[in-house]
């Protein structure tokens, strides 16, 4: 993730936005040495019926590598037996 200062982002805002749009990478903006804001590309799959956090979770889950990770639990571990 690229990190820029608030001054740089203010002076080069169009360039920062173009970078995010063309590469799909996020940019962190630092202010007085601490990270304050992330600029990211707007998700193509955004659905206004859901909350912003639900849309962001769906966006990041689609790009994550979690689907390639092994299962930690078997089906038997997850299913609770009811009498």
C-alpha atoms as a PDB file:
ATOM      1  CA  UNK A   1       0.000   0.000   0.000  1.00  0.00           C
ATOM      2  CA  UNK A   2       1.390   3.361  -0.993  1.00  0.00           C
ATOM      3  CA  UNK A   3       1.611   6.041   1.719  1.00  0.00           C
ATOM      4  CA  UNK A   4       1.723   9.792   1.098  1.00  0.00           C
ATOM      5  CA  UNK A   5       1.664  12.859   3.313  1.00  0.00           C
ATOM      6  CA  UNK A   6      -1.436  15.007   3.672  1.00  0.00           C
ATOM      7  CA  UNK A   7       0.447  17.858   2.016  1.00  0.00           C
ATOM      8  CA  UNK A   8       1.339  15.708  -0.993  1.00  0.00           C
ATOM      9  CA  UNK A   9      -2.236  14.401  -1.250  1.00  0.00           C
ATOM     10  CA  UNK A  10      -3.659  17.915  -1.121  1.00  0.00           C
ATOM     11  CA  UNK A  11      -1.254  19.246  -3.752  1.00  0.00           C
ATOM     12  CA  UNK A  12      -1.574  16.192  -6.021  1.00  0.00           C
ATOM     13  CA  UNK A  13      -5.096  14.987  -5.329  1.00  0.00           C
ATOM     14  CA  UNK A  14      -5.935  14.243  -8.979  1.00  0.00           C
ATOM     15  CA  UNK A  15      -2.745  12.181  -9.343  1.00  0.00           C
ATOM     16  CA  UNK A  16      -3.528  10.218  -6.173  1.00  0.00           C
ATOM     17  CA  UNK A  17      -7.068   9.497  -7.360  1.00  0.00           C
ATOM     18  CA  UNK A  18      -5.820   8.480 -10.820  1.00  0.00           C
ATOM     19  CA  UNK A  19      -3.269   6.147  -9.217  1.00  0.00           C
ATOM     20  CA  UNK A  20      -5.990   4.428  -7.160  1.00  0.00           C
ATOM     21  CA  UNK A  21      -8.355   4.192 -10.138  1.00  0.00           C
ATOM     22  CA  UNK A  22      -5.800   2.769 -12.556  1.00  0.00           C
ATOM     23  CA  UNK A  23      -3.941   0.382 -10.253  1.00  0.00           C
ATOM     24  CA  UNK A  24      -6.703  -0.601  -7.842  1.00  0.00           C
ATOM     25  CA  UNK A  25      -4.199  -0.137  -5.000  1.00  0.00           C
ATOM     26  CA  UNK A  26      -5.120   1.772  -1.870  1.00  0.00           C
ATOM     27  CA  UNK A  27      -3.287   4.897  -0.723  1.00  0.00           C
ATOM     28  CA  UNK A  28      -2.788   5.784   2.928  1.00  0.00           C
ATOM     29  CA  UNK A  29      -2.582   9.454   3.851  1.00  0.00           C
ATOM     30  CA  UNK A  30      -0.420  10.375   6.812  1.00  0.00           C
ATOM     31  CA  UNK A  31      -0.833  13.534   8.859  1.00  0.00           C
ATOM     32  CA  UNK A  32       1.890  14.508  11.328  1.00  0.00           C
ATOM     33  CA  UNK A  33       3.403  11.040  11.043  1.00  0.00           C
ATOM     34  CA  UNK A  34       0.303   8.971  11.767  1.00  0.00           C
ATOM     35  CA  UNK A  35      -1.937   7.247   9.252  1.00  0.00           C
ATOM     36  CA  UNK A  36      -5.284   9.014   9.071  1.00  0.00           C
ATOM     37  CA  UNK A  37      -7.133   8.009   5.904  1.00  0.00           C
ATOM     38  CA  UNK A  38      -7.217   5.333   3.210  1.00  0.00           C
ATOM     39  CA  UNK A  39      -8.315   6.110  -0.332  1.00  0.00           C
ATOM     40  CA  UNK A  40      -9.578   3.089  -2.211  1.00  0.00           C
ATOM     41  CA  UNK A  41     -11.294   2.359  -5.503  1.00  0.00           C
ATOM     42  CA  UNK A  42     -15.074   2.330  -5.264  1.00  0.00           C
ATOM     43  CA  UNK A  43     -16.348  -1.273  -5.424  1.00  0.00           C
ATOM     44  CA  UNK A  44     -18.100  -2.230  -8.659  1.00  0.00           C
ATOM     45  CA  UNK A  45     -20.284  -4.604  -6.666  1.00  0.00           C
ATOM     46  CA  UNK A  46     -21.637  -1.908  -4.309  1.00  0.00           C
ATOM     47  CA  UNK A  47     -25.278  -2.599  -3.428  1.00  0.00           C
ATOM     48  CA  UNK A  48     -27.175   0.296  -1.780  1.00  0.00           C
ATOM     49  CA  UNK A  49     -29.571  -2.170  -0.124  1.00  0.00           C
ATOM     50  CA  UNK A  50     -26.789  -3.108   2.300  1.00  0.00           C
ATOM     51  CA  UNK A  51     -24.799  -1.091   4.792  1.00  0.00           C
ATOM     52  CA  UNK A  52     -21.439   0.400   3.888  1.00  0.00           C
ATOM     53  CA  UNK A  53     -19.626  -2.053   6.148  1.00  0.00           C
ATOM     54  CA  UNK A  54     -21.398  -5.020   4.537  1.00  0.00           C
ATOM     55  CA  UNK A  55     -20.395  -3.744   1.093  1.00  0.00           C
ATOM     56  CA  UNK A  56     -16.778  -3.276   2.173  1.00  0.00           C
ATOM     57  CA  UNK A  57     -16.680  -6.746   3.710  1.00  0.00           C
ATOM     58  CA  UNK A  58     -18.006  -8.226   0.476  1.00  0.00           C
ATOM     59  CA  UNK A  59     -15.460  -6.214  -1.529  1.00  0.00           C
ATOM     60  CA  UNK A  60     -12.503  -7.367   0.547  1.00  0.00           C
ATOM     61  CA  UNK A  61     -13.734 -10.967   0.805  1.00  0.00           C
ATOM     62  CA  UNK A  62     -13.891 -11.183  -2.987  1.00  0.00           C
ATOM     63  CA  UNK A  63     -10.247 -10.159  -3.245  1.00  0.00           C
ATOM     64  CA  UNK A  64      -8.954 -12.085  -0.277  1.00  0.00           C
ATOM     65  CA  UNK A  65      -6.996 -15.282  -0.450  1.00  0.00           C
ATOM     66  CA  UNK A  66      -9.039 -16.875   2.323  1.00  0.00           C
ATOM     67  CA  UNK A  67     -10.764 -19.144  -0.193  1.00  0.00           C
ATOM     68  CA  UNK A  68      -7.396 -20.778  -0.828  1.00  0.00           C
ATOM     69  CA  UNK A  69      -6.718 -21.494   2.837  1.00  0.00           C
ATOM     70  CA  UNK A  70      -7.414 -24.944   4.280  1.00  0.00           C
ATOM     71  CA  UNK A  71     -10.472 -25.547   6.413  1.00  0.00           C
ATOM     72  CA  UNK A  72      -9.712 -25.522  10.110  1.00  0.00           C
ATOM     73  CA  UNK A  73     -12.830 -27.391  11.121  1.00  0.00           C
ATOM     74  CA  UNK A  74     -14.637 -30.353   9.692  1.00  0.00           C
ATOM     75  CA  UNK A  75     -18.380 -30.403   9.151  1.00  0.00           C
ATOM     76  CA  UNK A  76     -18.701 -32.601  12.263  1.00  0.00           C
ATOM     77  CA  UNK A  77     -16.967 -29.916  14.353  1.00  0.00           C
ATOM     78  CA  UNK A  78     -19.437 -27.268  13.259  1.00  0.00           C
ATOM     79  CA  UNK A  79     -22.754 -29.143  13.396  1.00  0.00           C
ATOM     80  CA  UNK A  80     -24.291 -29.171  16.858  1.00  0.00           C
ATOM     81  CA  UNK A  81     -26.223 -32.263  17.744  1.00  0.00           C
ATOM     82  CA  UNK A  82     -29.728 -31.725  19.078  1.00  0.00           C
ATOM     83  CA  UNK A  83     -31.673 -34.423  20.899  1.00  0.00           C
END
